[in-house]
């Protein structure tokens, strides 16, 4: 939690939108899984590359077993692609499932 990873974005105009009540519920239930942030982990308008509400890049369903996200970590799993930050995300999911 709280780790910053680089993650390719392949959606030109897609962004996350919810009404104020839903946003508050996501926050209260700690279901915002990812946010667009800068290299220091700070959410800002400059880091929010597509204008998503609250810089949201990924959310969890109520049961916390389904993740919806806009960035594409699968595109950053090989050094030849420019890095392996996406690998850590997939490894953490496997660890969670195995627990």
PDB file of N, CA and C in Angstrom:
ATOM      1  N   UNK A   1       0.847  -1.181   0.000  1.00  0.00           N
ATOM      2  CA  UNK A   1       0.000   0.000   0.000  1.00  0.00           C
ATOM      3  C   UNK A   1       0.889   1.240   0.000  1.00  0.00           C
ATOM      4  N   UNK A   2       0.517   2.182  -0.813  1.00  0.00           N
ATOM      5  CA  UNK A   2       1.267   3.419  -0.862  1.00  0.00           C
ATOM      6  C   UNK A   2       2.461   3.395  -1.785  1.00  0.00           C
ATOM      7  N   UNK A   3       2.662   2.308  -2.529  1.00  0.00           N
ATOM      8  CA  UNK A   3       3.789   2.206  -3.441  1.00  0.00           C
ATOM      9  C   UNK A   3       3.479   2.911  -4.760  1.00  0.00           C
ATOM     10  N   UNK A   4       4.463   3.570  -5.297  1.00  0.00           N
ATOM     11  CA  UNK A   4       4.322   4.220  -6.595  1.00  0.00           C
ATOM     12  C   UNK A   4       4.917   3.313  -7.657  1.00  0.00           C
ATOM     13  N   UNK A   5       4.125   3.017  -8.694  1.00  0.00           N
ATOM     14  CA  UNK A   5       4.626   2.243  -9.827  1.00  0.00           C
ATOM     15  C   UNK A   5       4.351   3.024 -11.102  1.00  0.00           C
ATOM     16  N   UNK A   6       5.230   2.853 -12.078  1.00  0.00           N
ATOM     17  CA  UNK A   6       4.962   3.410 -13.404  1.00  0.00           C
ATOM     18  C   UNK A   6       4.059   2.428 -14.120  1.00  0.00           C
ATOM     19  N   UNK A   7       3.110   2.948 -14.868  1.00  0.00           N
ATOM     20  CA  UNK A   7       2.160   2.080 -15.535  1.00  0.00           C
ATOM     21  C   UNK A   7       1.707   2.750 -16.822  1.00  0.00           C
ATOM     22  N   UNK A   8       1.893   2.090 -17.967  1.00  0.00           N
ATOM     23  CA  UNK A   8       1.471   2.677 -19.238  1.00  0.00           C
ATOM     24  C   UNK A   8      -0.026   2.964 -19.277  1.00  0.00           C
ATOM     25  N   UNK A   9      -0.371   4.002 -19.973  1.00  0.00           N
ATOM     26  CA  UNK A   9      -1.761   4.374 -20.188  1.00  0.00           C
ATOM     27  C   UNK A   9      -2.036   4.274 -21.681  1.00  0.00           C
ATOM     28  N   UNK A  10      -3.086   3.573 -22.044  1.00  0.00           N
ATOM     29  CA  UNK A  10      -3.387   3.374 -23.462  1.00  0.00           C
ATOM     30  C   UNK A  10      -4.820   3.793 -23.787  1.00  0.00           C
ATOM     31  N   UNK A  11      -5.348   4.679 -22.987  1.00  0.00           N
ATOM     32  CA  UNK A  11      -6.703   5.179 -23.222  1.00  0.00           C
ATOM     33  C   UNK A  11      -6.604   6.690 -23.426  1.00  0.00           C
ATOM     34  N   UNK A  12      -6.901   7.120 -24.598  1.00  0.00           N
ATOM     35  CA  UNK A  12      -6.768   8.539 -24.904  1.00  0.00           C
ATOM     36  C   UNK A  12      -7.726   9.421 -24.143  1.00  0.00           C
ATOM     37  N   UNK A  13      -8.996   9.089 -24.176  1.00  0.00           N
ATOM     38  CA  UNK A  13      -9.957   9.979 -23.561  1.00  0.00           C
ATOM     39  C   UNK A  13     -10.763   9.345 -22.437  1.00  0.00           C
ATOM     40  N   UNK A  14     -10.507   8.098 -22.127  1.00  0.00           N
ATOM     41  CA  UNK A  14     -11.241   7.445 -21.045  1.00  0.00           C
ATOM     42  C   UNK A  14     -10.842   7.991 -19.693  1.00  0.00           C
ATOM     43  N   UNK A  15     -11.818   8.199 -18.827  1.00  0.00           N
ATOM     44  CA  UNK A  15     -11.533   8.600 -17.454  1.00  0.00           C
ATOM     45  C   UNK A  15     -12.678   8.161 -16.548  1.00  0.00           C
ATOM     46  N   UNK A  16     -12.405   8.102 -15.265  1.00  0.00           N
ATOM     47  CA  UNK A  16     -13.367   7.584 -14.301  1.00  0.00           C
ATOM     48  C   UNK A  16     -14.255   8.708 -13.800  1.00  0.00           C
ATOM     49  N   UNK A  17     -15.559   8.474 -13.801  1.00  0.00           N
ATOM     50  CA  UNK A  17     -16.536   9.448 -13.352  1.00  0.00           C
ATOM     51  C   UNK A  17     -17.521   8.785 -12.403  1.00  0.00           C
ATOM     52  N   UNK A  18     -17.814   9.443 -11.294  1.00  0.00           N
ATOM     53  CA  UNK A  18     -18.861   9.027 -10.357  1.00  0.00           C
ATOM     54  C   UNK A  18     -19.473  10.275  -9.747  1.00  0.00           C
ATOM     55  N   UNK A  19     -20.671  10.114  -9.194  1.00  0.00           N
ATOM     56  CA  UNK A  19     -21.289  11.243  -8.494  1.00  0.00           C
ATOM     57  C   UNK A  19     -20.656  11.387  -7.112  1.00  0.00           C
ATOM     58  N   UNK A  20     -20.951  12.476  -6.449  1.00  0.00           N
ATOM     59  CA  UNK A  20     -20.327  12.771  -5.150  1.00  0.00           C
ATOM     60  C   UNK A  20     -20.619  11.698  -4.098  1.00  0.00           C
ATOM     61  N   UNK A  21     -21.848  11.182  -4.075  1.00  0.00           N
ATOM     62  CA  UNK A  21     -22.207  10.166  -3.079  1.00  0.00           C
ATOM     63  C   UNK A  21     -21.416   8.880  -3.297  1.00  0.00           C
ATOM     64  N   UNK A  22     -21.272   8.472  -4.549  1.00  0.00           N
ATOM     65  CA  UNK A  22     -20.508   7.261  -4.851  1.00  0.00           C
ATOM     66  C   UNK A  22     -19.039   7.447  -4.522  1.00  0.00           C
ATOM     67  N   UNK A  23     -18.498   8.617  -4.846  1.00  0.00           N
ATOM     68  CA  UNK A  23     -17.099   8.896  -4.516  1.00  0.00           C
ATOM     69  C   UNK A  23     -16.877   8.802  -3.015  1.00  0.00           C
ATOM     70  N   UNK A  24     -17.773   9.370  -2.234  1.00  0.00           N
ATOM     71  CA  UNK A  24     -17.630   9.311  -0.782  1.00  0.00           C
ATOM     72  C   UNK A  24     -17.713   7.874  -0.291  1.00  0.00           C
ATOM     73  N   UNK A  25     -18.596   7.086  -0.872  1.00  0.00           N
ATOM     74  CA  UNK A  25     -18.712   5.679  -0.484  1.00  0.00           C
ATOM     75  C   UNK A  25     -17.433   4.915  -0.811  1.00  0.00           C
ATOM     76  N   UNK A  26     -16.861   5.142  -1.998  1.00  0.00           N
ATOM     77  CA  UNK A  26     -15.596   4.496  -2.358  1.00  0.00           C
ATOM     78  C   UNK A  26     -14.498   4.861  -1.364  1.00  0.00           C
ATOM     79  N   UNK A  27     -14.447   6.127  -0.997  1.00  0.00           N
ATOM     80  CA  UNK A  27     -13.440   6.561  -0.010  1.00  0.00           C
ATOM     81  C   UNK A  27     -13.682   5.906   1.341  1.00  0.00           C
ATOM     82  N   UNK A  28     -14.931   5.963   1.820  1.00  0.00           N
ATOM     83  CA  UNK A  28     -15.268   5.405   3.136  1.00  0.00           C
ATOM     84  C   UNK A  28     -14.961   3.914   3.217  1.00  0.00           C
ATOM     85  N   UNK A  29     -15.198   3.214   2.121  1.00  0.00           N
ATOM     86  CA  UNK A  29     -14.991   1.772   2.087  1.00  0.00           C
ATOM     87  C   UNK A  29     -13.585   1.393   1.618  1.00  0.00           C
ATOM     88  N   UNK A  30     -12.727   2.368   1.446  1.00  0.00           N
ATOM     89  CA  UNK A  30     -11.339   2.185   1.019  1.00  0.00           C
ATOM     90  C   UNK A  30     -11.292   1.277  -0.217  1.00  0.00           C
ATOM     91  N   UNK A  31     -12.054   1.666  -1.239  1.00  0.00           N
ATOM     92  CA  UNK A  31     -12.120   0.869  -2.460  1.00  0.00           C
ATOM     93  C   UNK A  31     -11.428   1.528  -3.642  1.00  0.00           C
ATOM     94  N   UNK A  32     -10.776   2.654  -3.409  1.00  0.00           N
ATOM     95  CA  UNK A  32      -9.948   3.242  -4.466  1.00  0.00           C
ATOM     96  C   UNK A  32      -8.617   2.517  -4.411  1.00  0.00           C
ATOM     97  N   UNK A  33      -8.342   1.723  -5.423  1.00  0.00           N
ATOM     98  CA  UNK A  33      -7.144   0.882  -5.431  1.00  0.00           C
ATOM     99  C   UNK A  33      -5.926   1.611  -5.979  1.00  0.00           C
ATOM    100  N   UNK A  34      -6.140   2.469  -6.983  1.00  0.00           N
ATOM    101  CA  UNK A  34      -5.028   3.176  -7.632  1.00  0.00           C
ATOM    102  C   UNK A  34      -5.432   4.602  -7.950  1.00  0.00           C
ATOM    103  N   UNK A  35      -4.437   5.488  -7.857  1.00  0.00           N
ATOM    104  CA  UNK A  35      -4.620   6.875  -8.274  1.00  0.00           C
ATOM    105  C   UNK A  35      -3.458   7.272  -9.184  1.00  0.00           C
ATOM    106  N   UNK A  36      -3.748   8.215 -10.060  1.00  0.00           N
ATOM    107  CA  UNK A  36      -2.684   8.828 -10.852  1.00  0.00           C
ATOM    108  C   UNK A  36      -1.935   9.778  -9.932  1.00  0.00           C
ATOM    109  N   UNK A  37      -0.620   9.568  -9.790  1.00  0.00           N
ATOM    110  CA  UNK A  37       0.215  10.386  -8.911  1.00  0.00           C
ATOM    111  C   UNK A  37       1.525  10.706  -9.611  1.00  0.00           C
ATOM    112  N   UNK A  38       2.271  11.631  -9.034  1.00  0.00           N
ATOM    113  CA  UNK A  38       3.596  11.928  -9.582  1.00  0.00           C
ATOM    114  C   UNK A  38       4.622  10.959  -8.992  1.00  0.00           C
ATOM    115  N   UNK A  39       5.860  11.124  -9.322  1.00  0.00           N
ATOM    116  CA  UNK A  39       6.920  10.203  -8.892  1.00  0.00           C
ATOM    117  C   UNK A  39       7.069  10.128  -7.373  1.00  0.00           C
ATOM    118  N   UNK A  40       6.613  11.167  -6.673  1.00  0.00           N
ATOM    119  CA  UNK A  40       6.695  11.180  -5.214  1.00  0.00           C
ATOM    120  C   UNK A  40       5.431  10.640  -4.560  1.00  0.00           C
ATOM    121  N   UNK A  41       4.457  10.244  -5.381  1.00  0.00           N
ATOM    122  CA  UNK A  41       3.219   9.696  -4.835  1.00  0.00           C
ATOM    123  C   UNK A  41       2.159  10.724  -4.522  1.00  0.00           C
ATOM    124  N   UNK A  42       2.288  11.929  -5.057  1.00  0.00           N
ATOM    125  CA  UNK A  42       1.339  13.008  -4.785  1.00  0.00           C
ATOM    126  C   UNK A  42       0.341  13.120  -5.931  1.00  0.00           C
ATOM    127  N   UNK A  43      -0.941  13.019  -5.600  1.00  0.00           N
ATOM    128  CA  UNK A  43      -1.987  13.226  -6.604  1.00  0.00           C
ATOM    129  C   UNK A  43      -2.103  14.717  -6.883  1.00  0.00           C
ATOM    130  N   UNK A  44      -2.153  15.063  -8.145  1.00  0.00           N
ATOM    131  CA  UNK A  44      -2.279  16.471  -8.534  1.00  0.00           C
ATOM    132  C   UNK A  44      -2.926  16.539  -9.906  1.00  0.00           C
ATOM    133  N   UNK A  45      -3.357  17.731 -10.290  1.00  0.00           N
ATOM    134  CA  UNK A  45      -3.925  17.901 -11.626  1.00  0.00           C
ATOM    135  C   UNK A  45      -2.918  17.523 -12.700  1.00  0.00           C
ATOM    136  N   UNK A  46      -1.646  17.849 -12.487  1.00  0.00           N
ATOM    137  CA  UNK A  46      -0.608  17.535 -13.480  1.00  0.00           C
ATOM    138  C   UNK A  46      -0.400  16.026 -13.621  1.00  0.00           C
ATOM    139  N   UNK A  47      -0.521  15.290 -12.523  1.00  0.00           N
ATOM    140  CA  UNK A  47      -0.320  13.838 -12.562  1.00  0.00           C
ATOM    141  C   UNK A  47      -1.560  13.102 -13.070  1.00  0.00           C
ATOM    142  N   UNK A  48      -2.703  13.736 -12.966  1.00  0.00           N
ATOM    143  CA  UNK A  48      -3.969  13.130 -13.379  1.00  0.00           C
ATOM    144  C   UNK A  48      -4.130  13.317 -14.883  1.00  0.00           C
ATOM    145  N   UNK A  49      -3.494  12.450 -15.643  1.00  0.00           N
ATOM    146  CA  UNK A  49      -3.335  12.662 -17.079  1.00  0.00           C
ATOM    147  C   UNK A  49      -4.618  12.630 -17.885  1.00  0.00           C
ATOM    148  N   UNK A  50      -5.696  12.085 -17.324  1.00  0.00           N
ATOM    149  CA  UNK A  50      -6.930  12.038 -18.106  1.00  0.00           C
ATOM    150  C   UNK A  50      -8.116  12.715 -17.441  1.00  0.00           C
ATOM    151  N   UNK A  51      -7.900  13.355 -16.305  1.00  0.00           N
ATOM    152  CA  UNK A  51      -8.976  14.095 -15.656  1.00  0.00           C
ATOM    153  C   UNK A  51      -9.958  13.251 -14.872  1.00  0.00           C
ATOM    154  N   UNK A  52      -9.575  12.058 -14.467  1.00  0.00           N
ATOM    155  CA  UNK A  52     -10.460  11.211 -13.672  1.00  0.00           C
ATOM    156  C   UNK A  52     -10.809  11.885 -12.353  1.00  0.00           C
ATOM    157  N   UNK A  53     -12.022  11.656 -11.893  1.00  0.00           N
ATOM    158  CA  UNK A  53     -12.454  12.190 -10.606  1.00  0.00           C
ATOM    159  C   UNK A  53     -11.501  11.710  -9.515  1.00  0.00           C
ATOM    160  N   UNK A  54     -11.035  12.625  -8.682  1.00  0.00           N
ATOM    161  CA  UNK A  54     -10.166  12.304  -7.541  1.00  0.00           C
ATOM    162  C   UNK A  54      -8.905  11.552  -7.963  1.00  0.00           C
ATOM    163  N   UNK A  55      -8.484  11.721  -9.203  1.00  0.00           N
ATOM    164  CA  UNK A  55      -7.295  11.053  -9.755  1.00  0.00           C
ATOM    165  C   UNK A  55      -7.400   9.534  -9.724  1.00  0.00           C
ATOM    166  N   UNK A  56      -8.611   9.002  -9.724  1.00  0.00           N
ATOM    167  CA  UNK A  56      -8.818   7.559  -9.607  1.00  0.00           C
ATOM    168  C   UNK A  56      -8.385   6.849 -10.883  1.00  0.00           C
ATOM    169  N   UNK A  57      -7.544   5.829 -10.696  1.00  0.00           N
ATOM    170  CA  UNK A  57      -7.079   4.997 -11.801  1.00  0.00           C
ATOM    171  C   UNK A  57      -7.582   3.561 -11.677  1.00  0.00           C
ATOM    172  N   UNK A  58      -8.083   3.173 -10.486  1.00  0.00           N
ATOM    173  CA  UNK A  58      -8.589   1.821 -10.291  1.00  0.00           C
ATOM    174  C   UNK A  58      -9.456   1.726  -9.052  1.00  0.00           C
ATOM    175  N   UNK A  59     -10.513   0.938  -9.139  1.00  0.00           N
ATOM    176  CA  UNK A  59     -11.434   0.747  -8.014  1.00  0.00           C
ATOM    177  C   UNK A  59     -11.723  -0.740  -7.819  1.00  0.00           C
ATOM    178  N   UNK A  60     -12.139  -1.062  -6.597  1.00  0.00           N
ATOM    179  CA  UNK A  60     -12.532  -2.428  -6.243  1.00  0.00           C
ATOM    180  C   UNK A  60     -14.045  -2.503  -6.074  1.00  0.00           C
ATOM    181  N   UNK A  61     -14.627  -3.674  -6.371  1.00  0.00           N
ATOM    182  CA  UNK A  61     -16.054  -3.855  -6.123  1.00  0.00           C
ATOM    183  C   UNK A  61     -16.288  -4.009  -4.621  1.00  0.00           C
ATOM    184  N   UNK A  62     -17.557  -4.104  -4.216  1.00  0.00           N
ATOM    185  CA  UNK A  62     -17.895  -4.175  -2.791  1.00  0.00           C
ATOM    186  C   UNK A  62     -17.256  -5.369  -2.097  1.00  0.00           C
ATOM    187  N   UNK A  63     -17.144  -6.493  -2.794  1.00  0.00           N
ATOM    188  CA  UNK A  63     -16.544  -7.686  -2.188  1.00  0.00           C
ATOM    189  C   UNK A  63     -15.013  -7.653  -2.233  1.00  0.00           C
ATOM    190  N   UNK A  64     -14.478  -6.651  -2.917  1.00  0.00           N
ATOM    191  CA  UNK A  64     -13.034  -6.445  -3.036  1.00  0.00           C
ATOM    192  C   UNK A  64     -12.340  -7.592  -3.783  1.00  0.00           C
ATOM    193  N   UNK A  65     -13.093  -8.270  -4.666  1.00  0.00           N
ATOM    194  CA  UNK A  65     -12.492  -9.367  -5.427  1.00  0.00           C
ATOM    195  C   UNK A  65     -12.456  -9.087  -6.936  1.00  0.00           C
ATOM    196  N   UNK A  66     -12.903  -7.909  -7.347  1.00  0.00           N
ATOM    197  CA  UNK A  66     -12.839  -7.496  -8.744  1.00  0.00           C
ATOM    198  C   UNK A  66     -12.225  -6.101  -8.793  1.00  0.00           C
ATOM    199  N   UNK A  67     -11.224  -5.959  -9.636  1.00  0.00           N
ATOM    200  CA  UNK A  67     -10.537  -4.683  -9.809  1.00  0.00           C
ATOM    201  C   UNK A  67     -10.814  -4.156 -11.201  1.00  0.00           C
ATOM    202  N   UNK A  68     -11.238  -2.922 -11.284  1.00  0.00           N
ATOM    203  CA  UNK A  68     -11.355  -2.240 -12.563  1.00  0.00           C
ATOM    204  C   UNK A  68     -10.324  -1.135 -12.591  1.00  0.00           C
ATOM    205  N   UNK A  69      -9.519  -1.095 -13.659  1.00  0.00           N
ATOM    206  CA  UNK A  69      -8.494  -0.053 -13.718  1.00  0.00           C
ATOM    207  C   UNK A  69      -8.269   0.381 -15.159  1.00  0.00           C
ATOM    208  N   UNK A  70      -7.817   1.625 -15.305  1.00  0.00           N
ATOM    209  CA  UNK A  70      -7.579   2.174 -16.626  1.00  0.00           C
ATOM    210  C   UNK A  70      -6.157   1.917 -17.128  1.00  0.00           C
ATOM    211  N   UNK A  71      -5.121   2.127 -16.320  1.00  0.00           N
ATOM    212  CA  UNK A  71      -3.752   1.885 -16.821  1.00  0.00           C
ATOM    213  C   UNK A  71      -3.535   0.416 -17.166  1.00  0.00           C
ATOM    214  N   UNK A  72      -2.428   0.149 -17.821  1.00  0.00           N
ATOM    215  CA  UNK A  72      -2.145  -1.196 -18.320  1.00  0.00           C
ATOM    216  C   UNK A  72      -0.809  -1.727 -17.785  1.00  0.00           C
ATOM    217  N   UNK A  73      -0.799  -2.293 -16.572  1.00  0.00           N
ATOM    218  CA  UNK A  73       0.454  -2.818 -16.012  1.00  0.00           C
ATOM    219  C   UNK A  73       1.027  -3.967 -16.824  1.00  0.00           C
ATOM    220  N   UNK A  74       0.180  -4.659 -17.581  1.00  0.00           N
ATOM    221  CA  UNK A  74       0.673  -5.771 -18.403  1.00  0.00           C
ATOM    222  C   UNK A  74       1.607  -5.287 -19.505  1.00  0.00           C
ATOM    223  N   UNK A  75       1.581  -3.992 -19.791  1.00  0.00           N
ATOM    224  CA  UNK A  75       2.475  -3.441 -20.817  1.00  0.00           C
ATOM    225  C   UNK A  75       3.824  -2.996 -20.250  1.00  0.00           C
ATOM    226  N   UNK A  76       4.052  -3.248 -18.972  1.00  0.00           N
ATOM    227  CA  UNK A  76       5.345  -2.899 -18.383  1.00  0.00           C
ATOM    228  C   UNK A  76       5.817  -4.049 -17.486  1.00  0.00           C
ATOM    229  N   UNK A  77       6.064  -5.209 -18.138  1.00  0.00           N
ATOM    230  CA  UNK A  77       6.511  -6.385 -17.390  1.00  0.00           C
ATOM    231  C   UNK A  77       7.819  -6.952 -17.920  1.00  0.00           C
ATOM    232  N   UNK A  78       8.358  -6.342 -18.937  1.00  0.00           N
ATOM    233  CA  UNK A  78       9.610  -6.795 -19.530  1.00  0.00           C
ATOM    234  C   UNK A  78      10.598  -5.643 -19.617  1.00  0.00           C
ATOM    235  N   UNK A  79      11.854  -5.866 -19.258  1.00  0.00           N
ATOM    236  CA  UNK A  79      12.849  -4.785 -19.362  1.00  0.00           C
ATOM    237  C   UNK A  79      12.906  -4.154 -20.758  1.00  0.00           C
ATOM    238  N   UNK A  80      12.684  -4.949 -21.790  1.00  0.00           N
ATOM    239  CA  UNK A  80      12.717  -4.412 -23.152  1.00  0.00           C
ATOM    240  C   UNK A  80      11.590  -3.414 -23.417  1.00  0.00           C
ATOM    241  N   UNK A  81      10.557  -3.469 -22.607  1.00  0.00           N
ATOM    242  CA  UNK A  81       9.446  -2.516 -22.738  1.00  0.00           C
ATOM    243  C   UNK A  81       9.686  -1.245 -21.937  1.00  0.00           C
ATOM    244  N   UNK A  82      10.798  -1.176 -21.257  1.00  0.00           N
ATOM    245  CA  UNK A  82      11.126   0.025 -20.500  1.00  0.00           C
ATOM    246  C   UNK A  82      11.048  -0.110 -18.997  1.00  0.00           C
ATOM    247  N   UNK A  83      10.703  -1.273 -18.511  1.00  0.00           N
ATOM    248  CA  UNK A  83      10.662  -1.468 -17.064  1.00  0.00           C
ATOM    249  C   UNK A  83       9.842  -2.681 -16.693  1.00  0.00           C
ATOM    250  N   UNK A  84       9.823  -2.954 -15.396  1.00  0.00           N
ATOM    251  CA  UNK A  84       9.111  -4.128 -14.893  1.00  0.00           C
ATOM    252  C   UNK A  84       8.185  -3.776 -13.731  1.00  0.00           C
ATOM    253  N   UNK A  85       7.766  -2.527 -13.625  1.00  0.00           N
ATOM    254  CA  UNK A  85       6.901  -2.126 -12.513  1.00  0.00           C
ATOM    255  C   UNK A  85       5.609  -2.934 -12.473  1.00  0.00           C
ATOM    256  N   UNK A  86       5.070  -3.307 -13.629  1.00  0.00           N
ATOM    257  CA  UNK A  86       3.831  -4.064 -13.682  1.00  0.00           C
ATOM    258  C   UNK A  86       3.949  -5.444 -13.050  1.00  0.00           C
ATOM    259  N   UNK A  87       5.128  -6.013 -13.066  1.00  0.00           N
ATOM    260  CA  UNK A  87       5.334  -7.348 -12.488  1.00  0.00           C
ATOM    261  C   UNK A  87       4.964  -7.347 -11.010  1.00  0.00           C
ATOM    262  N   UNK A  88       5.362  -6.321 -10.283  1.00  0.00           N
ATOM    263  CA  UNK A  88       5.076  -6.266  -8.839  1.00  0.00           C
ATOM    264  C   UNK A  88       3.577  -6.297  -8.566  1.00  0.00           C
ATOM    265  N   UNK A  89       2.805  -5.649  -9.411  1.00  0.00           N
ATOM    266  CA  UNK A  89       1.360  -5.663  -9.236  1.00  0.00           C
ATOM    267  C   UNK A  89       0.821  -7.079  -9.382  1.00  0.00           C
ATOM    268  N   UNK A  90       1.222  -7.775 -10.435  1.00  0.00           N
ATOM    269  CA  UNK A  90       0.734  -9.127 -10.649  1.00  0.00           C
ATOM    270  C   UNK A  90       1.238 -10.089  -9.577  1.00  0.00           C
ATOM    271  N   UNK A  91       2.470  -9.921  -9.132  1.00  0.00           N
ATOM    272  CA  UNK A  91       2.991 -10.763  -8.047  1.00  0.00           C
ATOM    273  C   UNK A  91       2.201 -10.550  -6.760  1.00  0.00           C
ATOM    274  N   UNK A  92       1.840  -9.305  -6.472  1.00  0.00           N
ATOM    275  CA  UNK A  92       1.069  -9.034  -5.248  1.00  0.00           C
ATOM    276  C   UNK A  92      -0.320  -9.668  -5.323  1.00  0.00           C
ATOM    277  N   UNK A  93      -0.907  -9.689  -6.515  1.00  0.00           N
ATOM    278  CA  UNK A  93      -2.210 -10.341  -6.678  1.00  0.00           C
ATOM    279  C   UNK A  93      -2.088 -11.842  -6.445  1.00  0.00           C
ATOM    280  N   UNK A  94      -1.034 -12.443  -6.976  1.00  0.00           N
ATOM    281  CA  UNK A  94      -0.825 -13.882  -6.753  1.00  0.00           C
ATOM    282  C   UNK A  94      -0.608 -14.197  -5.280  1.00  0.00           C
ATOM    283  N   UNK A  95       0.141 -13.352  -4.592  1.00  0.00           N
ATOM    284  CA  UNK A  95       0.370 -13.565  -3.165  1.00  0.00           C
ATOM    285  C   UNK A  95      -0.941 -13.489  -2.391  1.00  0.00           C
ATOM    286  N   UNK A  96      -1.782 -12.568  -2.767  1.00  0.00           N
ATOM    287  CA  UNK A  96      -3.078 -12.400  -2.090  1.00  0.00           C
ATOM    288  C   UNK A  96      -3.970 -13.623  -2.303  1.00  0.00           C
ATOM    289  N   UNK A  97      -3.987 -14.125  -3.522  1.00  0.00           N
ATOM    290  CA  UNK A  97      -4.814 -15.284  -3.843  1.00  0.00           C
ATOM    291  C   UNK A  97      -4.302 -16.525  -3.112  1.00  0.00           C
ATOM    292  N   UNK A  98      -2.988 -16.643  -3.005  1.00  0.00           N
ATOM    293  CA  UNK A  98      -2.382 -17.821  -2.366  1.00  0.00           C
ATOM    294  C   UNK A  98      -2.522 -17.798  -0.851  1.00  0.00           C
ATOM    295  N   UNK A  99      -2.811 -16.626  -0.281  1.00  0.00           N
ATOM    296  CA  UNK A  99      -2.891 -16.508   1.186  1.00  0.00           C
ATOM    297  C   UNK A  99      -4.152 -17.136   1.748  1.00  0.00           C
TER     298      UNK A  99
END
